[in-house]
Amino acid sequence: MIDILHFLAPYLGVIGSFLFAIVNIPVIIKIHMDKSTKGTSFIFVLMSFFANICCGTFVLDNNLTTGVWQYPLYGNYGFAFLCCCYMMFLFRKYRKK
């Protein structure tokens, strides 16, 4: 059982990182289609923004300390960070006048 887990763990990590990174795409599409941020919490976007910075910094420090590079996590946090930046832009663009 441990051997199967050891074999699957890297693939599950990549799949999980990919899914976590793209979770914001439906929100971005909804904002674009509605031309409104109604129903989307700015606090959520702001917390996600800072969470990605904190987690990315932790992973970088851990990688520099241990020498084990976790590349899927860089893609995950990097893409999620860019999505949060874009959502902040959309909040500014479609804010209520």
PDB file of N, CA and C in Angstrom:
ATOM      1  N   MET A   1       0.822  -1.201   0.000  1.00  0.00           N
ATOM      2  CA  MET A   1       0.000   0.000   0.000  1.00  0.00           C
ATOM      3  C   MET A   1       0.862   1.260   0.000  1.00  0.00           C
ATOM      4  N   ILE A   2       1.936   1.242   0.798  1.00  0.00           N
ATOM      5  CA  ILE A   2       2.840   2.391   0.868  1.00  0.00           C
ATOM      6  C   ILE A   2       3.503   2.619  -0.481  1.00  0.00           C
ATOM      7  N   ASP A   3       3.862   1.536  -1.193  1.00  0.00           N
ATOM      8  CA  ASP A   3       4.490   1.670  -2.498  1.00  0.00           C
ATOM      9  C   ASP A   3       3.551   2.340  -3.498  1.00  0.00           C
ATOM     10  N   ILE A   4       2.276   1.991  -3.447  1.00  0.00           N
ATOM     11  CA  ILE A   4       1.296   2.603  -4.352  1.00  0.00           C
ATOM     12  C   ILE A   4       1.169   4.091  -4.032  1.00  0.00           C
ATOM     13  N   LEU A   5       1.124   4.417  -2.745  1.00  0.00           N
ATOM     14  CA  LEU A   5       1.023   5.817  -2.336  1.00  0.00           C
ATOM     15  C   LEU A   5       2.252   6.599  -2.773  1.00  0.00           C
ATOM     16  N   HIS A   6       3.427   6.005  -2.602  1.00  0.00           N
ATOM     17  CA  HIS A   6       4.664   6.649  -3.043  1.00  0.00           C
ATOM     18  C   HIS A   6       4.659   6.885  -4.546  1.00  0.00           C
ATOM     19  N   PHE A   7       4.114   5.945  -5.292  1.00  0.00           N
ATOM     20  CA  PHE A   7       4.038   6.074  -6.754  1.00  0.00           C
ATOM     21  C   PHE A   7       3.035   7.164  -7.148  1.00  0.00           C
ATOM     22  N   LEU A   8       1.874   7.196  -6.487  1.00  0.00           N
ATOM     23  CA  LEU A   8       0.807   8.122  -6.866  1.00  0.00           C
ATOM     24  C   LEU A   8       1.007   9.541  -6.342  1.00  0.00           C
ATOM     25  N   ALA A   9       1.729   9.709  -5.250  1.00  0.00           N
ATOM     26  CA  ALA A   9       1.843  11.010  -4.586  1.00  0.00           C
ATOM     27  C   ALA A   9       2.284  12.146  -5.516  1.00  0.00           C
ATOM     28  N   PRO A  10       3.322  11.975  -6.328  1.00  0.00           N
ATOM     29  CA  PRO A  10       3.705  13.093  -7.207  1.00  0.00           C
ATOM     30  C   PRO A  10       2.614  13.461  -8.207  1.00  0.00           C
ATOM     31  N   TYR A  11       1.928  12.453  -8.744  1.00  0.00           N
ATOM     32  CA  TYR A  11       0.859  12.723  -9.712  1.00  0.00           C
ATOM     33  C   TYR A  11      -0.332  13.405  -9.041  1.00  0.00           C
ATOM     34  N   LEU A  12      -0.671  12.933  -7.854  1.00  0.00           N
ATOM     35  CA  LEU A  12      -1.759  13.566  -7.110  1.00  0.00           C
ATOM     36  C   LEU A  12      -1.399  15.004  -6.737  1.00  0.00           C
ATOM     37  N   GLY A  13      -0.139  15.237  -6.423  1.00  0.00           N
ATOM     38  CA  GLY A  13       0.315  16.594  -6.108  1.00  0.00           C
ATOM     39  C   GLY A  13       0.170  17.529  -7.300  1.00  0.00           C
ATOM     40  N   VAL A  14       0.549  17.051  -8.475  1.00  0.00           N
ATOM     41  CA  VAL A  14       0.427  17.872  -9.689  1.00  0.00           C
ATOM     42  C   VAL A  14      -1.036  18.135 -10.011  1.00  0.00           C
ATOM     43  N   ILE A  15      -1.865  17.093  -9.933  1.00  0.00           N
ATOM     44  CA  ILE A  15      -3.299  17.252 -10.220  1.00  0.00           C
ATOM     45  C   ILE A  15      -3.934  18.214  -9.220  1.00  0.00           C
ATOM     46  N   GLY A  16      -3.637  18.040  -7.941  1.00  0.00           N
ATOM     47  CA  GLY A  16      -4.182  18.923  -6.915  1.00  0.00           C
ATOM     48  C   GLY A  16      -3.722  20.360  -7.094  1.00  0.00           C
ATOM     49  N   SER A  17      -2.457  20.555  -7.421  1.00  0.00           N
ATOM     50  CA  SER A  17      -1.946  21.901  -7.653  1.00  0.00           C
ATOM     51  C   SER A  17      -2.640  22.549  -8.844  1.00  0.00           C
ATOM     52  N   PHE A  18      -2.832  21.775  -9.896  1.00  0.00           N
ATOM     53  CA  PHE A  18      -3.514  22.297 -11.089  1.00  0.00           C
ATOM     54  C   PHE A  18      -4.950  22.704 -10.753  1.00  0.00           C
ATOM     55  N   LEU A  19      -5.665  21.827 -10.066  1.00  0.00           N
ATOM     56  CA  LEU A  19      -7.061  22.129  -9.724  1.00  0.00           C
ATOM     57  C   LEU A  19      -7.162  23.326  -8.784  1.00  0.00           C
ATOM     58  N   PHE A  20      -6.265  23.396  -7.820  1.00  0.00           N
ATOM     59  CA  PHE A  20      -6.277  24.525  -6.894  1.00  0.00           C
ATOM     60  C   PHE A  20      -5.966  25.830  -7.617  1.00  0.00           C
ATOM     61  N   ALA A  21      -5.071  25.771  -8.609  1.00  0.00           N
ATOM     62  CA  ALA A  21      -4.686  26.972  -9.343  1.00  0.00           C
ATOM     63  C   ALA A  21      -5.822  27.491 -10.223  1.00  0.00           C
ATOM     64  N   ILE A  22      -6.624  26.598 -10.789  1.00  0.00           N
ATOM     65  CA  ILE A  22      -7.665  27.048 -11.728  1.00  0.00           C
ATOM     66  C   ILE A  22      -9.011  27.293 -11.058  1.00  0.00           C
ATOM     67  N   VAL A  23      -9.078  27.159  -9.750  1.00  0.00           N
ATOM     68  CA  VAL A  23     -10.353  27.305  -9.050  1.00  0.00           C
ATOM     69  C   VAL A  23     -10.944  28.712  -9.221  1.00  0.00           C
ATOM     70  N   ASN A  24     -10.124  29.698  -9.475  1.00  0.00           N
ATOM     71  CA  ASN A  24     -10.608  31.073  -9.629  1.00  0.00           C
ATOM     72  C   ASN A  24     -11.108  31.386 -11.037  1.00  0.00           C
ATOM     73  N   ILE A  25     -10.849  30.543 -11.995  1.00  0.00           N
ATOM     74  CA  ILE A  25     -11.242  30.826 -13.376  1.00  0.00           C
ATOM     75  C   ILE A  25     -12.755  30.985 -13.531  1.00  0.00           C
ATOM     76  N   PRO A  26     -13.597  30.126 -12.945  1.00  0.00           N
ATOM     77  CA  PRO A  26     -15.036  30.358 -13.079  1.00  0.00           C
ATOM     78  C   PRO A  26     -15.490  31.702 -12.502  1.00  0.00           C
ATOM     79  N   VAL A  27     -14.849  32.152 -11.433  1.00  0.00           N
ATOM     80  CA  VAL A  27     -15.193  33.444 -10.845  1.00  0.00           C
ATOM     81  C   VAL A  27     -14.835  34.566 -11.820  1.00  0.00           C
ATOM     82  N   ILE A  28     -13.674  34.464 -12.436  1.00  0.00           N
ATOM     83  CA  ILE A  28     -13.247  35.471 -13.407  1.00  0.00           C
ATOM     84  C   ILE A  28     -14.204  35.501 -14.596  1.00  0.00           C
ATOM     85  N   ILE A  29     -14.589  34.341 -15.080  1.00  0.00           N
ATOM     86  CA  ILE A  29     -15.529  34.268 -16.209  1.00  0.00           C
ATOM     87  C   ILE A  29     -16.863  34.895 -15.828  1.00  0.00           C
ATOM     88  N   LYS A  30     -17.348  34.598 -14.612  1.00  0.00           N
ATOM     89  CA  LYS A  30     -18.620  35.164 -14.160  1.00  0.00           C
ATOM     90  C   LYS A  30     -18.554  36.686 -14.089  1.00  0.00           C
ATOM     91  N   ILE A  31     -17.483  37.214 -13.558  1.00  0.00           N
ATOM     92  CA  ILE A  31     -17.336  38.668 -13.466  1.00  0.00           C
ATOM     93  C   ILE A  31     -17.323  39.287 -14.862  1.00  0.00           C
ATOM     94  N   HIS A  32     -16.602  38.657 -15.787  1.00  0.00           N
ATOM     95  CA  HIS A  32     -16.543  39.169 -17.166  1.00  0.00           C
ATOM     96  C   HIS A  32     -17.913  39.141 -17.831  1.00  0.00           C
ATOM     97  N   MET A  33     -18.611  38.038 -17.693  1.00  0.00           N
ATOM     98  CA  MET A  33     -19.902  37.897 -18.368  1.00  0.00           C
ATOM     99  C   MET A  33     -20.942  38.849 -17.779  1.00  0.00           C
ATOM    100  N   ASP A  34     -20.955  38.999 -16.454  1.00  0.00           N
ATOM    101  CA  ASP A  34     -21.926  39.870 -15.798  1.00  0.00           C
ATOM    102  C   ASP A  34     -21.508  41.336 -15.812  1.00  0.00           C
ATOM    103  N   LYS A  35     -20.235  41.579 -16.102  1.00  0.00           N
ATOM    104  CA  LYS A  35     -19.668  42.933 -16.003  1.00  0.00           C
ATOM    105  C   LYS A  35     -19.960  43.531 -14.623  1.00  0.00           C
ATOM    106  N   SER A  36     -19.888  42.675 -13.624  1.00  0.00           N
ATOM    107  CA  SER A  36     -20.181  43.073 -12.248  1.00  0.00           C
ATOM    108  C   SER A  36     -19.466  42.113 -11.298  1.00  0.00           C
ATOM    109  N   THR A  37     -19.089  42.637 -10.149  1.00  0.00           N
ATOM    110  CA  THR A  37     -18.473  41.792  -9.121  1.00  0.00           C
ATOM    111  C   THR A  37     -19.479  41.413  -8.042  1.00  0.00           C
ATOM    112  N   LYS A  38     -20.744  41.708  -8.295  1.00  0.00           N
ATOM    113  CA  LYS A  38     -21.789  41.378  -7.321  1.00  0.00           C
ATOM    114  C   LYS A  38     -21.787  39.869  -7.058  1.00  0.00           C
ATOM    115  N   GLY A  39     -21.834  39.509  -5.807  1.00  0.00           N
ATOM    116  CA  GLY A  39     -21.820  38.100  -5.433  1.00  0.00           C
ATOM    117  C   GLY A  39     -20.428  37.545  -5.232  1.00  0.00           C
ATOM    118  N   THR A  40     -19.410  38.360  -5.484  1.00  0.00           N
ATOM    119  CA  THR A  40     -18.030  37.942  -5.281  1.00  0.00           C
ATOM    120  C   THR A  40     -17.444  38.797  -4.166  1.00  0.00           C
ATOM    121  N   SER A  41     -16.879  38.162  -3.184  1.00  0.00           N
ATOM    122  CA  SER A  41     -16.351  38.868  -2.024  1.00  0.00           C
ATOM    123  C   SER A  41     -14.942  39.383  -2.285  1.00  0.00           C
ATOM    124  N   PHE A  42     -14.753  40.684  -2.108  1.00  0.00           N
ATOM    125  CA  PHE A  42     -13.414  41.253  -2.243  1.00  0.00           C
ATOM    126  C   PHE A  42     -12.505  40.739  -1.133  1.00  0.00           C
ATOM    127  N   ILE A  43     -13.080  40.502   0.044  1.00  0.00           N
ATOM    128  CA  ILE A  43     -12.286  39.956   1.161  1.00  0.00           C
ATOM    129  C   ILE A  43     -11.710  38.593   0.770  1.00  0.00           C
ATOM    130  N   PHE A  44     -12.514  37.769   0.095  1.00  0.00           N
ATOM    131  CA  PHE A  44     -12.033  36.464  -0.386  1.00  0.00           C
ATOM    132  C   PHE A  44     -10.839  36.641  -1.313  1.00  0.00           C
ATOM    133  N   VAL A  45     -10.957  37.578  -2.252  1.00  0.00           N
ATOM    134  CA  VAL A  45      -9.876  37.811  -3.209  1.00  0.00           C
ATOM    135  C   VAL A  45      -8.635  38.319  -2.483  1.00  0.00           C
ATOM    136  N   LEU A  46      -8.819  39.246  -1.564  1.00  0.00           N
ATOM    137  CA  LEU A  46      -7.698  39.809  -0.815  1.00  0.00           C
ATOM    138  C   LEU A  46      -7.013  38.747   0.049  1.00  0.00           C
ATOM    139  N   MET A  47      -7.811  37.930   0.719  1.00  0.00           N
ATOM    140  CA  MET A  47      -7.235  36.860   1.543  1.00  0.00           C
ATOM    141  C   MET A  47      -6.499  35.842   0.670  1.00  0.00           C
ATOM    142  N   SER A  48      -7.055  35.503  -0.481  1.00  0.00           N
ATOM    143  CA  SER A  48      -6.391  34.572  -1.398  1.00  0.00           C
ATOM    144  C   SER A  48      -5.074  35.152  -1.890  1.00  0.00           C
ATOM    145  N   PHE A  49      -5.069  36.435  -2.189  1.00  0.00           N
ATOM    146  CA  PHE A  49      -3.866  37.137  -2.648  1.00  0.00           C
ATOM    147  C   PHE A  49      -2.739  36.979  -1.628  1.00  0.00           C
ATOM    148  N   PHE A  50      -3.032  37.332  -0.377  1.00  0.00           N
ATOM    149  CA  PHE A  50      -2.005  37.246   0.672  1.00  0.00           C
ATOM    150  C   PHE A  50      -1.670  35.806   1.031  1.00  0.00           C
ATOM    151  N   ALA A  51      -2.642  34.898   0.960  1.00  0.00           N
ATOM    152  CA  ALA A  51      -2.367  33.486   1.238  1.00  0.00           C
ATOM    153  C   ALA A  51      -1.389  32.916   0.219  1.00  0.00           C
ATOM    154  N   ASN A  52      -1.550  33.286  -1.051  1.00  0.00           N
ATOM    155  CA  ASN A  52      -0.631  32.798  -2.082  1.00  0.00           C
ATOM    156  C   ASN A  52       0.779  33.339  -1.879  1.00  0.00           C
ATOM    157  N   ILE A  53       0.883  34.591  -1.460  1.00  0.00           N
ATOM    158  CA  ILE A  53       2.205  35.160  -1.172  1.00  0.00           C
ATOM    159  C   ILE A  53       2.851  34.428   0.007  1.00  0.00           C
ATOM    160  N   CYS A  54       2.088  34.237   1.086  1.00  0.00           N
ATOM    161  CA  CYS A  54       2.627  33.565   2.277  1.00  0.00           C
ATOM    162  C   CYS A  54       3.037  32.124   1.981  1.00  0.00           C
ATOM    163  N   CYS A  55       2.160  31.387   1.308  1.00  0.00           N
ATOM    164  CA  CYS A  55       2.462  29.979   1.009  1.00  0.00           C
ATOM    165  C   CYS A  55       3.620  29.856   0.025  1.00  0.00           C
ATOM    166  N   GLY A  56       3.648  30.724  -0.967  1.00  0.00           N
ATOM    167  CA  GLY A  56       4.757  30.702  -1.921  1.00  0.00           C
ATOM    168  C   GLY A  56       6.084  30.985  -1.249  1.00  0.00           C
ATOM    169  N   THR A  57       6.091  31.933  -0.305  1.00  0.00           N
ATOM    170  CA  THR A  57       7.308  32.249   0.444  1.00  0.00           C
ATOM    171  C   THR A  57       7.730  31.062   1.308  1.00  0.00           C
ATOM    172  N   PHE A  58       6.758  30.415   1.946  1.00  0.00           N
ATOM    173  CA  PHE A  58       7.056  29.237   2.763  1.00  0.00           C
ATOM    174  C   PHE A  58       7.672  28.122   1.913  1.00  0.00           C
ATOM    175  N   VAL A  59       7.077  27.856   0.749  1.00  0.00           N
ATOM    176  CA  VAL A  59       7.586  26.790  -0.121  1.00  0.00           C
ATOM    177  C   VAL A  59       8.999  27.122  -0.595  1.00  0.00           C
ATOM    178  N   LEU A  60       9.232  28.376  -0.972  1.00  0.00           N
ATOM    179  CA  LEU A  60      10.569  28.774  -1.423  1.00  0.00           C
ATOM    180  C   LEU A  60      11.586  28.581  -0.309  1.00  0.00           C
ATOM    181  N   ASP A  61      11.255  29.041   0.892  1.00  0.00           N
ATOM    182  CA  ASP A  61      12.174  28.870   2.021  1.00  0.00           C
ATOM    183  C   ASP A  61      12.419  27.390   2.305  1.00  0.00           C
ATOM    184  N   ASN A  62      11.355  26.598   2.286  1.00  0.00           N
ATOM    185  CA  ASN A  62      11.490  25.155   2.527  1.00  0.00           C
ATOM    186  C   ASN A  62      12.375  24.503   1.460  1.00  0.00           C
ATOM    187  N   ASN A  63      12.176  24.909   0.216  1.00  0.00           N
ATOM    188  CA  ASN A  63      12.982  24.334  -0.864  1.00  0.00           C
ATOM    189  C   ASN A  63      14.446  24.724  -0.737  1.00  0.00           C
ATOM    190  N   LEU A  64      14.705  25.970  -0.377  1.00  0.00           N
ATOM    191  CA  LEU A  64      16.091  26.408  -0.206  1.00  0.00           C
ATOM    192  C   LEU A  64      16.756  25.709   0.973  1.00  0.00           C
ATOM    193  N   THR A  65      15.980  25.428   2.009  1.00  0.00           N
ATOM    194  CA  THR A  65      16.506  24.777   3.211  1.00  0.00           C
ATOM    195  C   THR A  65      16.773  23.295   2.977  1.00  0.00           C
ATOM    196  N   THR A  66      15.821  22.607   2.349  1.00  0.00           N
ATOM    197  CA  THR A  66      15.936  21.153   2.191  1.00  0.00           C
ATOM    198  C   THR A  66      16.580  20.736   0.883  1.00  0.00           C
ATOM    199  N   GLY A  67      16.538  21.605  -0.107  1.00  0.00           N
ATOM    200  CA  GLY A  67      17.072  21.247  -1.422  1.00  0.00           C
ATOM    201  C   GLY A  67      16.093  20.438  -2.262  1.00  0.00           C
ATOM    202  N   VAL A  68      14.890  20.219  -1.750  1.00  0.00           N
ATOM    203  CA  VAL A  68      13.857  19.485  -2.480  1.00  0.00           C
ATOM    204  C   VAL A  68      12.949  20.517  -3.136  1.00  0.00           C
ATOM    205  N   TRP A  69      12.971  20.565  -4.463  1.00  0.00           N
ATOM    206  CA  TRP A  69      12.208  21.581  -5.193  1.00  0.00           C
ATOM    207  C   TRP A  69      10.844  21.029  -5.581  1.00  0.00           C
ATOM    208  N   GLN A  70       9.822  21.753  -5.187  1.00  0.00           N
ATOM    209  CA  GLN A  70       8.435  21.345  -5.417  1.00  0.00           C
ATOM    210  C   GLN A  70       7.843  22.228  -6.512  1.00  0.00           C
ATOM    211  N   TYR A  71       8.243  21.945  -7.746  1.00  0.00           N
ATOM    212  CA  TYR A  71       7.867  22.798  -8.877  1.00  0.00           C
ATOM    213  C   TYR A  71       6.362  22.944  -9.093  1.00  0.00           C
ATOM    214  N   PRO A  72       5.552  21.898  -8.909  1.00  0.00           N
ATOM    215  CA  PRO A  72       4.105  22.095  -9.107  1.00  0.00           C
ATOM    216  C   PRO A  72       3.524  23.182  -8.207  1.00  0.00           C
ATOM    217  N   LEU A  73       4.078  23.322  -7.012  1.00  0.00           N
ATOM    218  CA  LEU A  73       3.567  24.341  -6.103  1.00  0.00           C
ATOM    219  C   LEU A  73       3.880  25.745  -6.599  1.00  0.00           C
ATOM    220  N   TYR A  74       5.014  25.922  -7.277  1.00  0.00           N
ATOM    221  CA  TYR A  74       5.317  27.241  -7.832  1.00  0.00           C
ATOM    222  C   TYR A  74       4.310  27.607  -8.913  1.00  0.00           C
ATOM    223  N   GLY A  75       3.976  26.643  -9.756  1.00  0.00           N
ATOM    224  CA  GLY A  75       2.953  26.879 -10.779  1.00  0.00           C
ATOM    225  C   GLY A  75       1.619  27.182 -10.139  1.00  0.00           C
ATOM    226  N   ASN A  76       1.280  26.431  -9.110  1.00  0.00           N
ATOM    227  CA  ASN A  76       0.018  26.616  -8.394  1.00  0.00           C
ATOM    228  C   ASN A  76      -0.079  28.012  -7.808  1.00  0.00           C
ATOM    229  N   TYR A  77       0.861  28.378  -6.953  1.00  0.00           N
ATOM    230  CA  TYR A  77       0.790  29.664  -6.279  1.00  0.00           C
ATOM    231  C   TYR A  77       0.997  30.818  -7.251  1.00  0.00           C
ATOM    232  N   GLY A  78       1.847  30.620  -8.240  1.00  0.00           N
ATOM    233  CA  GLY A  78       2.063  31.672  -9.231  1.00  0.00           C
ATOM    234  C   GLY A  78       0.811  31.973 -10.035  1.00  0.00           C
ATOM    235  N   PHE A  79       0.155  30.926 -10.545  1.00  0.00           N
ATOM    236  CA  PHE A  79      -1.052  31.126 -11.347  1.00  0.00           C
ATOM    237  C   PHE A  79      -2.190  31.666 -10.489  1.00  0.00           C
ATOM    238  N   ALA A  80      -2.349  31.128  -9.283  1.00  0.00           N
ATOM    239  CA  ALA A  80      -3.408  31.609  -8.382  1.00  0.00           C
ATOM    240  C   ALA A  80      -3.161  33.065  -7.995  1.00  0.00           C
ATOM    241  N   PHE A  81      -1.909  33.436  -7.804  1.00  0.00           N
ATOM    242  CA  PHE A  81      -1.554  34.821  -7.500  1.00  0.00           C
ATOM    243  C   PHE A  81      -1.936  35.736  -8.661  1.00  0.00           C
ATOM    244  N   LEU A  82      -1.629  35.321  -9.882  1.00  0.00           N
ATOM    245  CA  LEU A  82      -1.991  36.118 -11.059  1.00  0.00           C
ATOM    246  C   LEU A  82      -3.503  36.240 -11.192  1.00  0.00           C
ATOM    247  N   CYS A  83      -4.227  35.152 -10.914  1.00  0.00           N
ATOM    248  CA  CYS A  83      -5.696  35.213 -10.947  1.00  0.00           C
ATOM    249  C   CYS A  83      -6.215  36.215  -9.925  1.00  0.00           C
ATOM    250  N   CYS A  84      -5.634  36.218  -8.734  1.00  0.00           N
ATOM    251  CA  CYS A  84      -6.062  37.167  -7.703  1.00  0.00           C
ATOM    252  C   CYS A  84      -5.762  38.601  -8.124  1.00  0.00           C
ATOM    253  N   CYS A  85      -4.603  38.818  -8.724  1.00  0.00           N
ATOM    254  CA  CYS A  85      -4.266  40.158  -9.216  1.00  0.00           C
ATOM    255  C   CYS A  85      -5.283  40.596 -10.270  1.00  0.00           C
ATOM    256  N   TYR A  86      -5.636  39.695 -11.166  1.00  0.00           N
ATOM    257  CA  TYR A  86      -6.597  40.029 -12.214  1.00  0.00           C
ATOM    258  C   TYR A  86      -7.982  40.284 -11.635  1.00  0.00           C
ATOM    259  N   MET A  87      -8.371  39.501 -10.625  1.00  0.00           N
ATOM    260  CA  MET A  87      -9.668  39.735  -9.991  1.00  0.00           C
ATOM    261  C   MET A  87      -9.689  41.087  -9.277  1.00  0.00           C
ATOM    262  N   MET A  88      -8.569  41.493  -8.687  1.00  0.00           N
ATOM    263  CA  MET A  88      -8.513  42.820  -8.067  1.00  0.00           C
ATOM    264  C   MET A  88      -8.686  43.901  -9.130  1.00  0.00           C
ATOM    265  N   PHE A  89      -8.063  43.694 -10.276  1.00  0.00           N
ATOM    266  CA  PHE A  89      -8.246  44.622 -11.391  1.00  0.00           C
ATOM    267  C   PHE A  89      -9.719  44.689 -11.799  1.00  0.00           C
ATOM    268  N   LEU A  90     -10.369  43.527 -11.883  1.00  0.00           N
ATOM    269  CA  LEU A  90     -11.786  43.495 -12.258  1.00  0.00           C
ATOM    270  C   LEU A  90     -12.657  44.178 -11.211  1.00  0.00           C
ATOM    271  N   PHE A  91     -12.312  44.036  -9.934  1.00  0.00           N
ATOM    272  CA  PHE A  91     -13.059  44.729  -8.887  1.00  0.00           C
ATOM    273  C   PHE A  91     -12.943  46.239  -9.078  1.00  0.00           C
ATOM    274  N   ARG A  92     -11.765  46.679  -9.448  1.00  0.00           N
ATOM    275  CA  ARG A  92     -11.575  48.122  -9.679  1.00  0.00           C
ATOM    276  C   ARG A  92     -12.334  48.566 -10.930  1.00  0.00           C
ATOM    277  N   LYS A  93     -12.279  47.754 -11.960  1.00  0.00           N
ATOM    278  CA  LYS A  93     -12.932  48.102 -13.229  1.00  0.00           C
ATOM    279  C   LYS A  93     -14.462  48.131 -13.103  1.00  0.00           C
ATOM    280  N   TYR A  94     -15.030  47.153 -12.412  1.00  0.00           N
ATOM    281  CA  TYR A  94     -16.491  47.023 -12.348  1.00  0.00           C
ATOM    282  C   TYR A  94     -17.077  47.468 -11.017  1.00  0.00           C
ATOM    283  N   ARG A  95     -16.320  48.218 -10.247  1.00  0.00           N
ATOM    284  CA  ARG A  95     -16.857  48.666  -8.951  1.00  0.00           C
ATOM    285  C   ARG A  95     -18.074  49.562  -9.173  1.00  0.00           C
ATOM    286  N   LYS A  96     -18.911  49.576  -8.157  1.00  0.00           N
ATOM    287  CA  LYS A  96     -20.119  50.405  -8.249  1.00  0.00           C
ATOM    288  C   LYS A  96     -19.749  51.869  -8.249  1.00  0.00           C
ATOM    289  N   LYS A  97     -20.355  52.606  -9.116  1.00  0.00           N
ATOM    290  CA  LYS A  97     -20.097  54.049  -9.230  1.00  0.00           C
ATOM    291  C   LYS A  97     -20.923  54.792  -8.204  1.00  0.00           C
TER     292      LYS A  97
END
